């Protein structure tokens, strides 16, 4: 039985990697899924085609997370089509490196705009159209908790800030029966961080279970948080990193 049957979901950054896996998983459980993409229209359309080929319903919306108006418009488009939104997965993000004495104010603004401000905008907009049982799930990072190497402080900062935002949303929206949670993936085999990449061995050395995760591992956890059995789970952090932060 598909436990998300009839639900309406939006997954930001759903054209590849973890976002694409989440979109497929939610659709497999019966949700009607919209995904956003910034540039890779062909990849987004491929995800939509795969979902539809499996009997699901999906569509792609162009929306760069750095464009606040585009983020609002993406949420509004979903709400307008179905008069509500039940599940928001804040997944879109960027990863850039640089030492604290090298990064610029422009670097700071870009990372904050995409990784933090857009999550606030999308969540605020979606919450207005959510009813009892609404779900807001955000992709964080194990780097929100631990910064094991130099040069990743700005990224870690944005992901750590999402923890505070998530807990605040849980308090603000809990009386309406809406939950807010954050999932912290560790090293996950995606185009952004392939298991065969040049820094893979360094990452494996941190893990209790020395293997990269799969995007589907994260998607399974997100799908559970989106479902009815997680109704009392809110304001929580979930780490899925092979024990790297243990």
C-alpha atoms as a PDB file:
ATOM      1  CA  UNK A   1       0.000   0.000   0.000  1.00  0.00           C
ATOM      2  CA  UNK A   2       1.321   3.453  -0.901  1.00  0.00           C
ATOM      3  CA  UNK A   3       1.136   5.540   2.254  1.00  0.00           C
ATOM      4  CA  UNK A   4       1.535   8.913   0.537  1.00  0.00           C
ATOM      5  CA  UNK A   5      -1.330   8.400  -1.875  1.00  0.00           C
ATOM      6  CA  UNK A   6      -2.998  11.717  -2.667  1.00  0.00           C
ATOM      7  CA  UNK A   7      -0.252  13.834  -1.107  1.00  0.00           C
ATOM      8  CA  UNK A   8       1.286  16.784  -2.961  1.00  0.00           C
ATOM      9  CA  UNK A   9       5.055  17.198  -2.636  1.00  0.00           C
ATOM     10  CA  UNK A  10       7.717  19.656  -3.766  1.00  0.00           C
ATOM     11  CA  UNK A  11      11.381  18.648  -3.832  1.00  0.00           C
ATOM     12  CA  UNK A  12      13.828  21.463  -4.514  1.00  0.00           C
ATOM     13  CA  UNK A  13      16.944  20.498  -6.432  1.00  0.00           C
ATOM     14  CA  UNK A  14      15.299  17.317  -7.648  1.00  0.00           C
ATOM     15  CA  UNK A  15      17.061  16.828 -10.968  1.00  0.00           C
ATOM     16  CA  UNK A  16      19.924  14.680  -9.696  1.00  0.00           C
ATOM     17  CA  UNK A  17      21.573  13.009  -6.725  1.00  0.00           C
ATOM     18  CA  UNK A  18      19.719  12.902  -3.429  1.00  0.00           C
ATOM     19  CA  UNK A  19      16.922  15.157  -4.688  1.00  0.00           C
ATOM     20  CA  UNK A  20      16.140  12.900  -7.628  1.00  0.00           C
ATOM     21  CA  UNK A  21      16.163   9.828  -5.384  1.00  0.00           C
ATOM     22  CA  UNK A  22      13.789  11.535  -2.947  1.00  0.00           C
ATOM     23  CA  UNK A  23      11.422  12.535  -5.757  1.00  0.00           C
ATOM     24  CA  UNK A  24      11.309   8.973  -7.098  1.00  0.00           C
ATOM     25  CA  UNK A  25      10.752   7.528  -3.616  1.00  0.00           C
ATOM     26  CA  UNK A  26       7.923   9.891  -2.710  1.00  0.00           C
ATOM     27  CA  UNK A  27       6.273   9.197  -6.063  1.00  0.00           C
ATOM     28  CA  UNK A  28       6.629   5.465  -5.510  1.00  0.00           C
ATOM     29  CA  UNK A  29       4.652   5.905  -2.295  1.00  0.00           C
ATOM     30  CA  UNK A  30       1.849   7.645  -4.174  1.00  0.00           C
ATOM     31  CA  UNK A  31       2.676  11.339  -3.855  1.00  0.00           C
ATOM     32  CA  UNK A  32       2.290  13.733  -6.750  1.00  0.00           C
ATOM     33  CA  UNK A  33       5.729  15.303  -6.999  1.00  0.00           C
ATOM     34  CA  UNK A  34       7.052  18.571  -8.373  1.00  0.00           C
ATOM     35  CA  UNK A  35      10.799  19.122  -8.563  1.00  0.00           C
ATOM     36  CA  UNK A  36      12.798  22.292  -9.098  1.00  0.00           C
ATOM     37  CA  UNK A  37      15.995  22.676 -11.074  1.00  0.00           C
ATOM     38  CA  UNK A  38      18.299  25.603 -11.731  1.00  0.00           C
ATOM     39  CA  UNK A  39      19.878  24.750 -15.095  1.00  0.00           C
ATOM     40  CA  UNK A  40      19.740  21.036 -15.936  1.00  0.00           C
ATOM     41  CA  UNK A  41      16.341  20.945 -17.632  1.00  0.00           C
ATOM     42  CA  UNK A  42      17.139  17.713 -19.457  1.00  0.00           C
ATOM     43  CA  UNK A  43      18.030  15.968 -16.197  1.00  0.00           C
ATOM     44  CA  UNK A  44      14.871  17.234 -14.513  1.00  0.00           C
ATOM     45  CA  UNK A  45      12.715  16.068 -17.411  1.00  0.00           C
ATOM     46  CA  UNK A  46      14.386  12.665 -17.241  1.00  0.00           C
ATOM     47  CA  UNK A  47      13.427  12.298 -13.568  1.00  0.00           C
ATOM     48  CA  UNK A  48       9.857  13.297 -14.410  1.00  0.00           C
ATOM     49  CA  UNK A  49       9.747  10.789 -17.266  1.00  0.00           C
ATOM     50  CA  UNK A  50      11.006   7.998 -15.001  1.00  0.00           C
ATOM     51  CA  UNK A  51       8.331   8.731 -12.417  1.00  0.00           C
ATOM     52  CA  UNK A  52       5.595   8.859 -15.024  1.00  0.00           C
ATOM     53  CA  UNK A  53       6.821   5.634 -16.625  1.00  0.00           C
ATOM     54  CA  UNK A  54       6.337   3.969 -13.244  1.00  0.00           C
ATOM     55  CA  UNK A  55       2.768   5.214 -13.033  1.00  0.00           C
ATOM     56  CA  UNK A  56       3.397   8.306 -10.926  1.00  0.00           C
ATOM     57  CA  UNK A  57       2.644  11.983 -11.454  1.00  0.00           C
ATOM     58  CA  UNK A  58       5.427  14.558 -11.618  1.00  0.00           C
ATOM     59  CA  UNK A  59       6.496  17.830 -13.169  1.00  0.00           C
ATOM     60  CA  UNK A  60       9.583  20.028 -13.240  1.00  0.00           C
ATOM     61  CA  UNK A  61       9.753  23.734 -12.395  1.00  0.00           C
ATOM     62  CA  UNK A  62      12.719  25.944 -13.207  1.00  0.00           C
ATOM     63  CA  UNK A  63      13.741  27.823 -10.059  1.00  0.00           C
ATOM     64  CA  UNK A  64      17.240  28.876  -9.068  1.00  0.00           C
ATOM     65  CA  UNK A  65      17.514  28.893  -5.267  1.00  0.00           C
ATOM     66  CA  UNK A  66      19.406  32.165  -5.408  1.00  0.00           C
ATOM     67  CA  UNK A  67      16.361  33.878  -6.900  1.00  0.00           C
ATOM     68  CA  UNK A  68      13.923  34.506  -4.051  1.00  0.00           C
ATOM     69  CA  UNK A  69      11.120  35.329  -6.460  1.00  0.00           C
ATOM     70  CA  UNK A  70      11.637  32.064  -8.341  1.00  0.00           C
ATOM     71  CA  UNK A  71      11.527  30.064  -5.103  1.00  0.00           C
ATOM     72  CA  UNK A  72       8.252  31.712  -4.083  1.00  0.00           C
ATOM     73  CA  UNK A  73       6.836  31.172  -7.563  1.00  0.00           C
ATOM     74  CA  UNK A  74       7.712  27.472  -7.496  1.00  0.00           C
ATOM     75  CA  UNK A  75       5.842  26.936  -4.232  1.00  0.00           C
ATOM     76  CA  UNK A  76       2.922  29.042  -5.434  1.00  0.00           C
ATOM     77  CA  UNK A  77       2.757  27.037  -8.672  1.00  0.00           C
ATOM     78  CA  UNK A  78       2.347  23.799  -6.726  1.00  0.00           C
ATOM     79  CA  UNK A  79      -0.249  25.298  -4.409  1.00  0.00           C
ATOM     80  CA  UNK A  80      -2.160  26.854  -7.303  1.00  0.00           C
ATOM     81  CA  UNK A  81      -2.365  23.555  -9.150  1.00  0.00           C
ATOM     82  CA  UNK A  82      -3.647  21.527  -6.184  1.00  0.00           C
ATOM     83  CA  UNK A  83      -4.813  24.189  -3.692  1.00  0.00           C
ATOM     84  CA  UNK A  84      -2.364  22.894  -1.106  1.00  0.00           C
ATOM     85  CA  UNK A  85       1.051  21.410  -0.483  1.00  0.00           C
ATOM     86  CA  UNK A  86       1.555  18.523   1.920  1.00  0.00           C
ATOM     87  CA  UNK A  87       5.287  17.826   1.767  1.00  0.00           C
ATOM     88  CA  UNK A  88       8.198  20.189   1.191  1.00  0.00           C
ATOM     89  CA  UNK A  89      11.704  18.749   0.861  1.00  0.00           C
ATOM     90  CA  UNK A  90      14.324  21.502   0.944  1.00  0.00           C
ATOM     91  CA  UNK A  91      17.136  19.758  -0.873  1.00  0.00           C
ATOM     92  CA  UNK A  92      18.701  22.228  -3.314  1.00  0.00           C
ATOM     93  CA  UNK A  93      22.110  23.480  -2.274  1.00  0.00           C
ATOM     94  CA  UNK A  94      25.636  24.282  -3.373  1.00  0.00           C
ATOM     95  CA  UNK A  95      29.028  23.244  -2.013  1.00  0.00           C
ATOM     96  CA  UNK A  96      31.992  25.573  -2.362  1.00  0.00           C
ATOM     97  CA  UNK A  97      35.293  25.563  -0.506  1.00  0.00           C
ATOM     98  CA  UNK A  98      37.715  28.217   0.668  1.00  0.00           C
ATOM     99  CA  UNK A  99      39.713  29.162   3.732  1.00  0.00           C
ATOM    100  CA  UNK A 100      38.198  31.807   5.979  1.00  0.00           C
ATOM    101  CA  UNK A 101      40.857  34.348   5.018  1.00  0.00           C
ATOM    102  CA  UNK A 102      40.313  33.701   1.315  1.00  0.00           C
ATOM    103  CA  UNK A 103      36.550  33.656   0.826  1.00  0.00           C
ATOM    104  CA  UNK A 104      34.841  36.885  -0.140  1.00  0.00           C
ATOM    105  CA  UNK A 105      31.653  38.614   0.902  1.00  0.00           C
ATOM    106  CA  UNK A 106      30.239  37.587  -2.471  1.00  0.00           C
ATOM    107  CA  UNK A 107      31.057  33.940  -1.711  1.00  0.00           C
ATOM    108  CA  UNK A 108      29.301  34.315   1.634  1.00  0.00           C
ATOM    109  CA  UNK A 109      26.189  35.854   0.106  1.00  0.00           C
ATOM    110  CA  UNK A 110      25.939  33.208  -2.610  1.00  0.00           C
ATOM    111  CA  UNK A 111      26.197  30.293  -0.176  1.00  0.00           C
ATOM    112  CA  UNK A 112      23.759  31.827   2.303  1.00  0.00           C
ATOM    113  CA  UNK A 113      21.286  32.743  -0.439  1.00  0.00           C
ATOM    114  CA  UNK A 114      21.147  29.228  -1.866  1.00  0.00           C
ATOM    115  CA  UNK A 115      21.645  27.025   1.191  1.00  0.00           C
ATOM    116  CA  UNK A 116      19.803  29.019   3.854  1.00  0.00           C
ATOM    117  CA  UNK A 117      17.673  31.924   2.649  1.00  0.00           C
ATOM    118  CA  UNK A 118      15.910  29.829   0.001  1.00  0.00           C
ATOM    119  CA  UNK A 119      15.015  27.207   2.611  1.00  0.00           C
ATOM    120  CA  UNK A 120      13.460  29.895   4.786  1.00  0.00           C
ATOM    121  CA  UNK A 121      11.528  31.359   1.851  1.00  0.00           C
ATOM    122  CA  UNK A 122      10.233  28.029   0.568  1.00  0.00           C
ATOM    123  CA  UNK A 123       9.287  26.811   4.040  1.00  0.00           C
ATOM    124  CA  UNK A 124       7.522  30.026   4.986  1.00  0.00           C
ATOM    125  CA  UNK A 125       5.602  30.048   1.720  1.00  0.00           C
ATOM    126  CA  UNK A 126       4.681  26.367   1.848  1.00  0.00           C
ATOM    127  CA  UNK A 127       3.626  26.463   5.507  1.00  0.00           C
ATOM    128  CA  UNK A 128       0.862  28.933   4.668  1.00  0.00           C
ATOM    129  CA  UNK A 129      -0.768  26.320   2.427  1.00  0.00           C
ATOM    130  CA  UNK A 130      -0.155  23.285   4.642  1.00  0.00           C
ATOM    131  CA  UNK A 131      -2.778  21.679   6.807  1.00  0.00           C
ATOM    132  CA  UNK A 132      -2.730  19.057   9.522  1.00  0.00           C
ATOM    133  CA  UNK A 133      -0.118  16.448   8.674  1.00  0.00           C
ATOM    134  CA  UNK A 134       2.111  18.800   6.674  1.00  0.00           C
ATOM    135  CA  UNK A 135       5.782  17.920   6.466  1.00  0.00           C
ATOM    136  CA  UNK A 136       8.871  20.093   6.010  1.00  0.00           C
ATOM    137  CA  UNK A 137      12.062  18.078   5.592  1.00  0.00           C
ATOM    138  CA  UNK A 138      15.413  19.711   4.956  1.00  0.00           C
ATOM    139  CA  UNK A 139      18.675  18.250   3.694  1.00  0.00           C
ATOM    140  CA  UNK A 140      21.439  19.281   6.058  1.00  0.00           C
ATOM    141  CA  UNK A 141      24.910  17.754   6.300  1.00  0.00           C
ATOM    142  CA  UNK A 142      27.118  15.975   8.801  1.00  0.00           C
ATOM    143  CA  UNK A 143      29.362  19.021   8.370  1.00  0.00           C
ATOM    144  CA  UNK A 144      26.777  20.965  10.367  1.00  0.00           C
ATOM    145  CA  UNK A 145      28.018  19.075  13.408  1.00  0.00           C
ATOM    146  CA  UNK A 146      31.681  18.411  12.673  1.00  0.00           C
ATOM    147  CA  UNK A 147      34.177  20.188  10.413  1.00  0.00           C
ATOM    148  CA  UNK A 148      36.979  17.640   9.903  1.00  0.00           C
ATOM    149  CA  UNK A 149      38.992  19.510   7.259  1.00  0.00           C
ATOM    150  CA  UNK A 150      39.915  23.112   6.472  1.00  0.00           C
ATOM    151  CA  UNK A 151      38.183  25.075   3.759  1.00  0.00           C
ATOM    152  CA  UNK A 152      34.597  23.978   4.358  1.00  0.00           C
ATOM    153  CA  UNK A 153      33.603  26.386   7.104  1.00  0.00           C
ATOM    154  CA  UNK A 154      31.205  28.489   5.048  1.00  0.00           C
ATOM    155  CA  UNK A 155      29.272  25.451   3.867  1.00  0.00           C
ATOM    156  CA  UNK A 156      29.219  24.055   7.415  1.00  0.00           C
ATOM    157  CA  UNK A 157      27.897  27.363   8.710  1.00  0.00           C
ATOM    158  CA  UNK A 158      24.907  27.334   6.354  1.00  0.00           C
ATOM    159  CA  UNK A 159      24.045  23.753   7.243  1.00  0.00           C
ATOM    160  CA  UNK A 160      24.378  24.412  10.981  1.00  0.00           C
ATOM    161  CA  UNK A 161      22.034  27.377  10.631  1.00  0.00           C
ATOM    162  CA  UNK A 162      19.435  25.062   9.106  1.00  0.00           C
ATOM    163  CA  UNK A 163      19.352  23.112  12.366  1.00  0.00           C
ATOM    164  CA  UNK A 164      18.224  26.202  14.268  1.00  0.00           C
ATOM    165  CA  UNK A 165      15.703  27.082  11.589  1.00  0.00           C
ATOM    166  CA  UNK A 166      14.288  23.551  11.639  1.00  0.00           C
ATOM    167  CA  UNK A 167      13.834  23.545  15.406  1.00  0.00           C
ATOM    168  CA  UNK A 168      12.184  26.957  15.261  1.00  0.00           C
ATOM    169  CA  UNK A 169       9.780  25.807  12.547  1.00  0.00           C
ATOM    170  CA  UNK A 170       8.910  22.747  14.622  1.00  0.00           C
ATOM    171  CA  UNK A 171       7.871  25.031  17.483  1.00  0.00           C
ATOM    172  CA  UNK A 172       6.030  27.511  15.288  1.00  0.00           C
ATOM    173  CA  UNK A 173       4.121  24.962  13.225  1.00  0.00           C
ATOM    174  CA  UNK A 174       3.605  22.170  15.734  1.00  0.00           C
ATOM    175  CA  UNK A 175       0.267  23.517  16.998  1.00  0.00           C
ATOM    176  CA  UNK A 176      -1.045  23.105  13.437  1.00  0.00           C
ATOM    177  CA  UNK A 177       0.102  19.481  13.218  1.00  0.00           C
ATOM    178  CA  UNK A 178       2.963  20.287  10.810  1.00  0.00           C
ATOM    179  CA  UNK A 179       6.344  18.701  11.450  1.00  0.00           C
ATOM    180  CA  UNK A 180       9.808  19.994  10.558  1.00  0.00           C
ATOM    181  CA  UNK A 181      12.906  17.803  10.571  1.00  0.00           C
ATOM    182  CA  UNK A 182      16.411  17.805   9.125  1.00  0.00           C
ATOM    183  CA  UNK A 183      18.398  14.928   7.638  1.00  0.00           C
ATOM    184  CA  UNK A 184      22.200  15.042   7.710  1.00  0.00           C
ATOM    185  CA  UNK A 185      23.710  12.916   4.931  1.00  0.00           C
ATOM    186  CA  UNK A 186      27.353  12.056   5.169  1.00  0.00           C
ATOM    187  CA  UNK A 187      29.467  11.028   2.195  1.00  0.00           C
ATOM    188  CA  UNK A 188      26.939   9.977  -0.423  1.00  0.00           C
ATOM    189  CA  UNK A 189      27.802   8.641  -3.863  1.00  0.00           C
ATOM    190  CA  UNK A 190      26.594  11.451  -6.149  1.00  0.00           C
ATOM    191  CA  UNK A 191      28.050  13.528  -8.949  1.00  0.00           C
ATOM    192  CA  UNK A 192      28.940  16.176  -6.380  1.00  0.00           C
ATOM    193  CA  UNK A 193      30.919  13.698  -4.269  1.00  0.00           C
ATOM    194  CA  UNK A 194      31.517  10.392  -6.111  1.00  0.00           C
ATOM    195  CA  UNK A 195      32.672   7.321  -4.227  1.00  0.00           C
ATOM    196  CA  UNK A 196      35.522   7.097  -6.733  1.00  0.00           C
ATOM    197  CA  UNK A 197      36.572  10.723  -6.274  1.00  0.00           C
ATOM    198  CA  UNK A 198      40.034  11.929  -5.300  1.00  0.00           C
ATOM    199  CA  UNK A 199      38.968  12.687  -1.719  1.00  0.00           C
ATOM    200  CA  UNK A 200      37.039   9.452  -1.180  1.00  0.00           C
ATOM    201  CA  UNK A 201      39.718   7.657   0.844  1.00  0.00           C
ATOM    202  CA  UNK A 202      39.990  10.593   3.210  1.00  0.00           C
ATOM    203  CA  UNK A 203      36.244  10.443   3.852  1.00  0.00           C
ATOM    204  CA  UNK A 204      36.174   6.659   4.212  1.00  0.00           C
ATOM    205  CA  UNK A 205      38.810   6.950   6.926  1.00  0.00           C
ATOM    206  CA  UNK A 206      36.292   8.734   9.161  1.00  0.00           C
ATOM    207  CA  UNK A 207      33.551   6.135   8.878  1.00  0.00           C
ATOM    208  CA  UNK A 208      32.675   3.282  11.216  1.00  0.00           C
ATOM    209  CA  UNK A 209      31.140   1.528   8.187  1.00  0.00           C
ATOM    210  CA  UNK A 210      33.666   2.435   5.481  1.00  0.00           C
ATOM    211  CA  UNK A 211      31.470   2.837   2.426  1.00  0.00           C
ATOM    212  CA  UNK A 212      29.719   5.727   0.769  1.00  0.00           C
ATOM    213  CA  UNK A 213      25.973   5.931   1.203  1.00  0.00           C
ATOM    214  CA  UNK A 214      23.511   5.789  -1.673  1.00  0.00           C
ATOM    215  CA  UNK A 215      21.074   8.589  -2.482  1.00  0.00           C
ATOM    216  CA  UNK A 216      18.323   5.997  -2.008  1.00  0.00           C
ATOM    217  CA  UNK A 217      19.385   5.527   1.620  1.00  0.00           C
ATOM    218  CA  UNK A 218      18.624   9.170   2.316  1.00  0.00           C
ATOM    219  CA  UNK A 219      15.430   9.007   0.256  1.00  0.00           C
ATOM    220  CA  UNK A 220      14.120   6.114   2.364  1.00  0.00           C
ATOM    221  CA  UNK A 221      14.582   8.163   5.524  1.00  0.00           C
ATOM    222  CA  UNK A 222      12.939  11.227   3.998  1.00  0.00           C
ATOM    223  CA  UNK A 223       9.986   9.129   2.832  1.00  0.00           C
ATOM    224  CA  UNK A 224       9.480   7.800   6.358  1.00  0.00           C
ATOM    225  CA  UNK A 225       9.553  11.321   7.798  1.00  0.00           C
ATOM    226  CA  UNK A 226       6.977  12.343   5.187  1.00  0.00           C
ATOM    227  CA  UNK A 227       4.628   9.528   6.165  1.00  0.00           C
ATOM    228  CA  UNK A 228       1.986   9.021   8.840  1.00  0.00           C
ATOM    229  CA  UNK A 229       4.137   6.956  11.216  1.00  0.00           C
ATOM    230  CA  UNK A 230       6.401   9.972  11.800  1.00  0.00           C
ATOM    231  CA  UNK A 231       3.551  12.209  12.950  1.00  0.00           C
ATOM    232  CA  UNK A 232       5.118  12.780  16.383  1.00  0.00           C
ATOM    233  CA  UNK A 233       8.650  13.337  15.092  1.00  0.00           C
ATOM    234  CA  UNK A 234       9.520  17.013  14.816  1.00  0.00           C
ATOM    235  CA  UNK A 235      12.417  19.341  15.496  1.00  0.00           C
ATOM    236  CA  UNK A 236      14.739  16.366  15.112  1.00  0.00           C
ATOM    237  CA  UNK A 237      18.061  15.720  13.392  1.00  0.00           C
ATOM    238  CA  UNK A 238      18.770  12.435  11.631  1.00  0.00           C
ATOM    239  CA  UNK A 239      22.324  11.525  10.680  1.00  0.00           C
ATOM    240  CA  UNK A 240      22.990   8.975   7.947  1.00  0.00           C
ATOM    241  CA  UNK A 241      26.762   8.906   7.505  1.00  0.00           C
ATOM    242  CA  UNK A 242      28.139   5.429   8.159  1.00  0.00           C
ATOM    243  CA  UNK A 243      29.215   6.547  11.605  1.00  0.00           C
ATOM    244  CA  UNK A 244      31.568   9.298  10.421  1.00  0.00           C
ATOM    245  CA  UNK A 245      30.390  11.587  13.216  1.00  0.00           C
ATOM    246  CA  UNK A 246      30.118   8.834  15.835  1.00  0.00           C
END
